Amino acid sequence: MANKTALEFQYLDELFESFIENLQLVIDKLKEEDSSRNAAPDFTLIDFWSKLETGYKSMSAEASKFSLWFSKPPLPKREECESLMESVQRVSLVIVSAYYGLPKEHGVRLRKYVRRSVLDVIDGVQTLAKRIKDERYQCSQGQLQSTGTVWEACDEFTTLPKNNCDAILQVIKNSSELVKDALQELQEAQETGGERDSGWDDIDEVLGRVDINDTNRNTWSEGDKAVLPPCIGLVKAARSCLKKVSTAVKSNGQWEDAHSIAQLDDLADIVDEVSPSVDELVSCVYAPMRHSVIRTNANQLSGVLLHLLGRCKATHVCKQEDTTWLNFLDQAVHHNLEKIKNLTTDEQDTR
């Protein structure tokens, strides 16, 4: 009996190792620089989504079957196990082929969302296989959780943006949420007087570069306090820019011609810079405040916002009636930046 079990484990280990390696090849390829195949002459987004949805539903069912076969004795025979794995790999090929068949002309951002989703599905299946093998082909809580992870990844099909306009709106939404959090952090810093509550020792103290008995270094000076309102104003301007651009894309965004799609991708690239630039500004307002760093980061954020407004104005998403809010936000950015420049001095950094 022991010899029989050992032989069963041996063939299962061989099959699973090969299966896991094959899935890893797919995952590695997906993680490489994005490259689409030549678009099929008869390609349509409707057919693409139908094919991908079929693949996701099939993979969810295959994961259930795969997990069920190893949920209780007896273990599947070699032929049964091979058939299971071949079936999973066929479905994987359907899903991956569908992704590679999505032309970049339909949106770089759309392809990124689809690629991330496909990666989650294939990675989930590989994790399930690893978990079954590591648990020595006996059902475990980890196996059930991994099966559920595959189901969730497949179910996310319903939430995927279905065109590049939807993809850009998702990009803006994600950035807006991060900017909202940063603004809240900045306002909380204003309430606490600029003391950072991170739970970490200040790096300057660790390196012995400051006098730890100097209590003034952990509080704002009156000059520091004056700098904060325009910093908050600049972050609020970032929030408003994202909100207005989102509204414009939602109202006027086009995703059926290559030129409009490319313009949306350009906007998304700039939107990607907003949240990191906001974070840089927020991170440097804590005491001890370095005014030169504040100026640098305020300039960086302002440049990104003005670039976003200018690019938005030049695209199809903005109409003549949008000129009012574009000009207003342009002025708001310049106003807050000028106030920050006027209120920050290099002398403050050496106090």
Protein backbone atom coordinates (compact mmCIF):
# COMPACT_ATOMS: atom_id res chain seq x y z
CA MET A 1 0.00 0.00 0.00
CA ALA A 2 2.83 2.37 0.89
CA ASN A 3 4.58 1.63 -2.42
CA LYS A 4 1.35 2.28 -4.31
CA THR A 5 0.90 5.64 -2.58
CA ALA A 6 4.50 6.59 -3.31
CA LEU A 7 4.03 5.76 -6.99
CA GLU A 8 0.82 7.81 -7.09
CA PHE A 9 2.58 10.78 -5.59
CA GLN A 10 5.46 10.37 -8.03
CA TYR A 11 3.32 10.57 -11.16
CA LEU A 12 1.23 13.37 -9.65
CA ASP A 13 4.34 15.36 -8.75
CA GLU A 14 5.66 14.99 -12.29
CA LEU A 15 2.37 16.06 -13.86
CA PHE A 16 1.85 18.98 -11.50
CA GLU A 17 5.42 20.25 -11.90
CA SER A 18 5.05 20.25 -15.68
CA PHE A 19 1.60 21.87 -15.44
CA ILE A 20 2.85 24.60 -13.10
CA GLU A 21 5.87 25.28 -15.32
CA ASN A 22 3.66 25.61 -18.40
CA LEU A 23 1.45 28.11 -16.63
CA GLN A 24 4.55 30.02 -15.52
CA LEU A 25 5.61 30.36 -19.16
CA VAL A 26 2.23 31.92 -19.93
CA ILE A 27 2.50 34.27 -16.94
CA ASP A 28 6.05 35.34 -17.86
CA LYS A 29 4.97 36.08 -21.42
CA LEU A 30 2.04 38.17 -20.23
CA LYS A 31 4.33 40.17 -17.96
CA GLU A 32 6.63 41.09 -20.83
CA GLU A 33 6.33 44.37 -22.67
CA ASP A 34 2.84 44.69 -24.08
CA SER A 35 2.58 43.65 -27.73
CA SER A 36 -0.55 42.87 -29.70
CA ARG A 37 -0.91 40.85 -32.85
CA ASN A 38 -2.11 42.34 -36.08
CA ALA A 39 -5.81 43.06 -35.80
CA ALA A 40 -8.06 40.56 -37.53
CA PRO A 41 -9.89 42.17 -40.46
CA ASP A 42 -13.25 41.32 -38.92
CA PHE A 43 -12.32 42.20 -35.30
CA THR A 44 -15.06 43.72 -33.15
CA LEU A 45 -15.14 44.49 -29.45
CA ILE A 46 -18.45 42.66 -29.17
CA ASP A 47 -16.90 39.42 -30.42
CA PHE A 48 -13.82 39.96 -28.27
CA TRP A 49 -15.81 40.33 -25.06
CA SER A 50 -17.99 37.36 -25.94
CA LYS A 51 -14.92 35.17 -26.45
CA LEU A 52 -13.26 36.37 -23.25
CA GLU A 53 -16.43 35.90 -21.22
CA THR A 54 -16.78 32.34 -22.50
CA GLY A 55 -13.17 31.66 -21.54
CA TYR A 56 -13.62 33.07 -18.03
CA LYS A 57 -16.77 31.04 -17.40
CA SER A 58 -15.04 27.92 -18.63
CA MET A 59 -12.00 28.56 -16.42
CA SER A 60 -14.19 29.03 -13.36
CA ALA A 61 -15.82 25.66 -14.09
CA GLU A 62 -12.47 24.01 -14.77
CA ALA A 63 -11.06 25.28 -11.47
CA SER A 64 -14.06 23.82 -9.64
CA LYS A 65 -13.61 20.47 -11.38
CA PHE A 66 -9.86 20.52 -10.79
CA SER A 67 -10.31 21.19 -7.08
CA LEU A 68 -13.11 18.64 -6.73
CA TRP A 69 -10.99 15.83 -8.11
CA PHE A 70 -8.58 16.34 -5.23
CA SER A 71 -11.17 16.96 -2.53
CA LYS A 72 -11.45 13.33 -1.38
CA PRO A 73 -9.99 9.87 -2.09
CA PRO A 74 -9.32 8.14 -4.36
CA LEU A 75 -6.77 10.20 -6.24
CA PRO A 76 -7.43 10.55 -9.99
CA LYS A 77 -5.65 8.16 -12.30
CA ARG A 78 -2.82 9.43 -14.45
CA GLU A 79 -5.01 9.57 -17.57
CA GLU A 80 -7.71 11.48 -15.69
CA CYS A 81 -5.21 13.96 -14.28
CA GLU A 82 -3.64 14.54 -17.69
CA SER A 83 -7.08 15.14 -19.19
CA LEU A 84 -7.90 17.66 -16.45
CA MET A 85 -4.71 19.61 -16.99
CA GLU A 86 -5.03 19.59 -20.77
CA SER A 87 -8.53 20.98 -20.42
CA VAL A 88 -7.33 23.80 -18.16
CA GLN A 89 -4.47 24.60 -20.55
CA ARG A 90 -6.87 24.72 -23.52
CA VAL A 91 -9.05 27.24 -21.72
CA SER A 92 -5.94 29.23 -20.75
CA LEU A 93 -5.00 29.36 -24.42
CA VAL A 94 -8.47 30.66 -25.32
CA ILE A 95 -8.22 33.45 -22.73
CA VAL A 96 -4.66 34.46 -23.58
CA SER A 97 -5.32 34.34 -27.32
CA ALA A 98 -8.34 36.59 -26.86
CA TYR A 99 -6.19 39.13 -25.01
CA TYR A 100 -3.45 39.13 -27.65
CA GLY A 101 -6.11 39.60 -30.30
CA LEU A 102 -7.19 42.92 -28.78
CA PRO A 103 -5.50 45.59 -30.95
CA LYS A 104 -3.69 48.49 -29.31
CA GLU A 105 -5.72 50.72 -31.59
CA HIS A 106 -8.67 50.04 -29.32
CA GLY A 107 -6.79 51.53 -26.39
CA VAL A 108 -3.54 50.95 -24.54
CA ARG A 109 -5.32 51.44 -21.23
CA LEU A 110 -8.02 48.98 -22.13
CA ARG A 111 -5.38 46.37 -22.97
CA LYS A 112 -3.63 47.00 -19.64
CA TYR A 113 -6.81 46.32 -17.69
CA VAL A 114 -7.51 43.16 -19.68
CA ARG A 115 -3.92 41.94 -19.32
CA ARG A 116 -4.02 42.46 -15.54
CA SER A 117 -7.27 40.52 -15.34
CA VAL A 118 -5.98 37.65 -17.50
CA LEU A 119 -2.83 37.51 -15.37
CA ASP A 120 -4.94 37.26 -12.21
CA VAL A 121 -6.90 34.34 -13.66
CA ILE A 122 -3.87 32.35 -14.86
CA ASP A 123 -1.91 33.14 -11.69
CA GLY A 124 -4.88 32.02 -9.61
CA VAL A 125 -5.00 28.66 -11.39
CA GLN A 126 -1.28 28.18 -10.93
CA THR A 127 -1.56 29.00 -7.22
CA LEU A 128 -4.37 26.46 -6.90
CA ALA A 129 -2.20 23.78 -8.53
CA LYS A 130 0.73 24.63 -6.24
CA ARG A 131 -1.51 24.47 -3.19
CA ILE A 132 -2.89 21.03 -4.13
CA LYS A 133 0.63 19.72 -4.72
CA ASP A 134 2.04 21.24 -1.52
CA GLU A 135 -0.80 19.75 0.53
CA ARG A 136 0.09 16.33 -0.94
CA TYR A 137 -3.18 16.05 -2.85
CA GLN A 138 -5.41 16.16 0.19
CA CYS A 139 -8.17 18.74 0.46
CA SER A 140 -7.29 21.66 2.71
CA GLN A 141 -8.63 25.05 3.66
CA GLY A 142 -5.90 26.59 1.53
CA GLN A 143 -7.09 24.63 -1.50
CA LEU A 144 -10.65 25.88 -1.00
CA GLN A 145 -9.42 29.46 -0.63
CA SER A 146 -7.34 29.18 -3.80
CA THR A 147 -10.35 27.84 -5.68
CA GLY A 148 -12.36 30.81 -4.47
CA THR A 149 -9.59 33.15 -5.64
CA VAL A 150 -9.91 31.76 -9.18
CA TRP A 151 -13.68 32.24 -9.06
CA GLU A 152 -13.25 35.85 -7.95
CA ALA A 153 -10.71 36.54 -10.70
CA CYS A 154 -13.11 35.13 -13.30
CA ASP A 155 -16.07 37.02 -11.84
CA GLU A 156 -14.17 40.29 -12.24
CA PHE A 157 -14.97 40.06 -15.94
CA THR A 158 -18.20 41.91 -15.23
CA THR A 159 -16.30 44.89 -13.76
CA LEU A 160 -13.72 45.26 -16.54
CA PRO A 161 -13.97 48.49 -18.57
CA LYS A 162 -15.48 47.51 -21.91
CA ASN A 163 -13.88 50.25 -24.01
CA ASN A 164 -11.04 52.76 -23.71
CA CYS A 165 -13.33 55.52 -22.52
CA ASP A 166 -14.43 53.38 -19.57
CA ALA A 167 -10.78 52.46 -18.95
CA ILE A 168 -9.72 56.11 -18.71
CA LEU A 169 -12.62 56.87 -16.37
CA GLN A 170 -11.37 54.06 -14.12
CA VAL A 171 -7.85 55.51 -14.19
CA ILE A 172 -9.20 58.92 -13.15
CA LYS A 173 -11.35 57.35 -10.43
CA ASN A 174 -8.39 55.50 -8.94
CA SER A 175 -6.27 58.66 -8.96
CA SER A 176 -9.09 60.73 -7.47
CA GLU A 177 -9.44 58.34 -4.54
CA LEU A 178 -5.72 58.56 -3.80
CA VAL A 179 -5.76 62.36 -4.03
CA LYS A 180 -8.78 62.45 -1.69
CA ASP A 181 -6.83 60.40 0.87
CA ALA A 182 -3.80 62.68 0.52
CA LEU A 183 -5.95 65.76 1.01
CA GLN A 184 -7.42 64.27 4.15
CA GLU A 185 -3.91 63.53 5.42
CA LEU A 186 -2.88 67.11 4.73
CA GLN A 187 -5.88 68.52 6.58
CA GLU A 188 -5.21 66.22 9.52
CA ALA A 189 -1.62 67.44 9.59
CA GLN A 190 -2.96 70.98 9.82
CA GLU A 191 -5.06 69.97 12.82
CA THR A 192 -2.16 68.23 14.61
CA GLY A 193 0.33 71.02 14.02
CA GLY A 194 2.44 69.11 11.52
CA GLU A 195 3.72 66.36 13.82
CA ARG A 196 4.20 63.12 11.90
CA ASP A 197 2.68 60.09 13.63
CA SER A 198 4.20 57.25 11.65
CA GLY A 199 5.50 55.07 14.46
CA TRP A 200 9.03 55.35 13.06
CA ASP A 201 12.03 57.21 14.49
CA ASP A 202 13.04 60.20 12.44
CA ILE A 203 15.93 59.21 10.17
CA ASP A 204 17.88 62.33 11.20
CA GLU A 205 17.67 61.26 14.85
CA VAL A 206 18.80 57.74 13.99
CA LEU A 207 21.81 59.09 12.13
CA GLY A 208 22.59 61.59 14.88
CA ARG A 209 22.26 64.61 12.64
CA VAL A 210 19.99 66.59 14.98
CA ASP A 211 19.63 67.42 18.62
CA ILE A 212 16.86 65.16 19.90
CA ASN A 213 16.23 67.66 22.72
CA ASP A 214 15.29 70.34 20.19
CA THR A 215 11.51 70.37 20.50
CA ASN A 216 11.10 73.14 17.94
CA ARG A 217 12.11 70.87 15.10
CA ASN A 218 8.91 68.84 15.50
CA THR A 219 6.59 71.82 15.31
CA TRP A 220 5.78 74.37 12.63
CA SER A 221 7.00 77.91 12.80
CA GLU A 222 4.59 80.72 12.01
CA GLY A 223 6.14 80.86 8.54
CA ASP A 224 5.50 77.14 8.07
CA LYS A 225 1.87 77.53 9.10
CA ALA A 226 1.39 80.23 6.47
CA VAL A 227 2.63 77.88 3.74
CA LEU A 228 0.05 75.19 4.49
CA PRO A 229 -3.16 76.86 3.15
CA PRO A 230 -1.85 77.29 -0.42
CA CYS A 231 -0.52 73.71 -0.30
CA ILE A 232 -4.00 72.54 0.61
CA GLY A 233 -5.38 74.81 -2.10
CA LEU A 234 -3.08 73.21 -4.69
CA VAL A 235 -4.15 69.68 -3.69
CA LYS A 236 -7.80 70.76 -3.83
CA ALA A 237 -7.11 72.09 -7.32
CA ALA A 238 -5.74 68.65 -8.24
CA ARG A 239 -8.92 67.05 -6.94
CA SER A 240 -11.06 69.48 -8.95
CA CYS A 241 -9.01 68.95 -12.11
CA LEU A 242 -9.58 65.20 -11.93
CA LYS A 243 -13.28 65.66 -11.25
CA LYS A 244 -13.78 68.04 -14.17
CA VAL A 245 -11.72 65.94 -16.59
CA SER A 246 -13.72 62.88 -15.56
CA THR A 247 -16.99 64.69 -16.26
CA ALA A 248 -15.71 65.83 -19.66
CA VAL A 249 -14.59 62.29 -20.60
CA LYS A 250 -17.88 60.84 -19.42
CA SER A 251 -19.88 63.38 -21.44
CA ASN A 252 -17.81 63.60 -24.61
CA GLY A 253 -15.31 60.74 -24.68
CA GLN A 254 -15.17 58.80 -27.94
CA TRP A 255 -13.79 55.29 -28.21
CA GLU A 256 -14.68 54.20 -31.73
CA ASP A 257 -11.95 55.95 -33.74
CA ALA A 258 -8.19 55.58 -33.34
CA HIS A 259 -7.47 59.31 -33.00
CA SER A 260 -9.89 59.81 -30.10
CA ILE A 261 -8.69 56.62 -28.42
CA ALA A 262 -5.08 57.82 -28.60
CA GLN A 263 -6.09 61.15 -27.05
CA LEU A 264 -7.72 59.31 -24.13
CA ASP A 265 -4.54 57.28 -23.60
CA ASP A 266 -2.52 60.51 -23.53
CA LEU A 267 -4.82 61.91 -20.84
CA ALA A 268 -4.46 58.73 -18.81
CA ASP A 269 -0.66 59.00 -18.91
CA ILE A 270 -0.85 62.49 -17.41
CA VAL A 271 -3.46 61.45 -14.84
CA ASP A 272 -1.02 58.76 -13.67
CA GLU A 273 1.35 61.54 -12.59
CA VAL A 274 -1.17 63.44 -10.46
CA SER A 275 -1.38 61.25 -7.36
CA PRO A 276 2.40 60.66 -7.01
CA SER A 277 2.99 64.40 -7.36
CA VAL A 278 0.37 65.13 -4.72
CA ASP A 279 1.98 62.57 -2.41
CA GLU A 280 5.38 64.22 -2.83
CA LEU A 281 3.96 67.57 -1.79
CA VAL A 282 2.00 66.18 1.17
CA SER A 283 4.97 64.18 2.46
CA CYS A 284 7.15 67.27 2.86
CA VAL A 285 4.78 69.49 4.85
CA TYR A 286 5.49 67.79 8.17
CA ALA A 287 7.79 69.44 10.65
CA PRO A 288 10.58 70.21 10.25
CA MET A 289 9.37 71.79 7.01
CA ARG A 290 11.98 72.40 4.31
CA HIS A 291 10.75 75.28 2.18
CA SER A 292 13.01 74.51 -0.77
CA VAL A 293 11.51 71.03 -0.99
CA ILE A 294 7.99 72.47 -0.71
CA ARG A 295 8.72 74.78 -3.66
CA THR A 296 10.18 71.98 -5.76
CA ASN A 297 7.25 69.65 -5.16
CA ALA A 298 4.67 72.41 -5.62
CA ASN A 299 6.27 73.25 -8.96
CA GLN A 300 6.16 69.59 -9.94
CA LEU A 301 2.48 69.18 -9.07
CA SER A 302 1.53 72.46 -10.74
CA GLY A 303 3.33 71.41 -13.90
CA VAL A 304 1.39 68.14 -14.02
CA LEU A 305 -1.96 69.86 -13.45
CA LEU A 306 -1.33 72.53 -16.08
CA HIS A 307 -0.23 69.84 -18.50
CA LEU A 308 -3.43 67.90 -17.81
CA LEU A 309 -5.61 70.96 -18.32
CA GLY A 310 -3.80 71.94 -21.50
CA ARG A 311 -3.96 68.44 -22.96
CA CYS A 312 -7.60 68.09 -22.04
CA LYS A 313 -8.40 71.39 -23.76
CA ALA A 314 -6.72 70.16 -26.93
CA THR A 315 -8.67 66.90 -27.12
CA HIS A 316 -12.15 65.99 -28.28
CA VAL A 317 -13.45 65.67 -24.70
CA CYS A 318 -13.54 69.44 -24.15
CA LYS A 319 -16.06 71.68 -25.90
CA GLN A 320 -16.31 75.45 -26.12
CA GLU A 321 -18.42 75.63 -22.98
CA ASP A 322 -15.65 73.94 -20.99
CA THR A 323 -13.36 76.94 -21.40
CA THR A 324 -14.72 78.55 -18.23
CA TRP A 325 -13.74 75.81 -15.82
CA LEU A 326 -10.46 75.18 -17.65
CA ASN A 327 -9.46 78.82 -17.19
CA PHE A 328 -10.67 78.87 -13.58
CA LEU A 329 -8.61 75.82 -12.61
CA ASP A 330 -5.61 77.14 -14.53
CA GLN A 331 -5.79 80.34 -12.50
CA ALA A 332 -6.30 78.40 -9.24
CA VAL A 333 -3.13 76.38 -9.86
CA HIS A 334 -1.08 79.49 -10.68
CA HIS A 335 -2.51 81.40 -7.71
CA ASN A 336 -1.63 78.72 -5.15
CA LEU A 337 1.79 78.13 -6.68
CA GLU A 338 2.65 81.83 -6.53
CA LYS A 339 1.56 82.02 -2.89
CA ILE A 340 3.76 79.04 -2.05
CA LYS A 341 6.73 80.63 -3.82
CA ASN A 342 6.22 83.93 -2.02
CA LEU A 343 5.86 82.30 1.40
CA THR A 344 8.82 79.93 1.18
CA THR A 345 12.37 81.06 1.76
CA ASP A 346 15.67 79.24 1.81
CA GLU A 347 16.46 80.88 5.14
CA GLN A 348 13.67 78.85 6.76
CA ASP A 349 15.50 75.62 5.90
CA THR A 350 18.45 76.54 8.11
CA ARG A 351 16.56 77.61 11.20
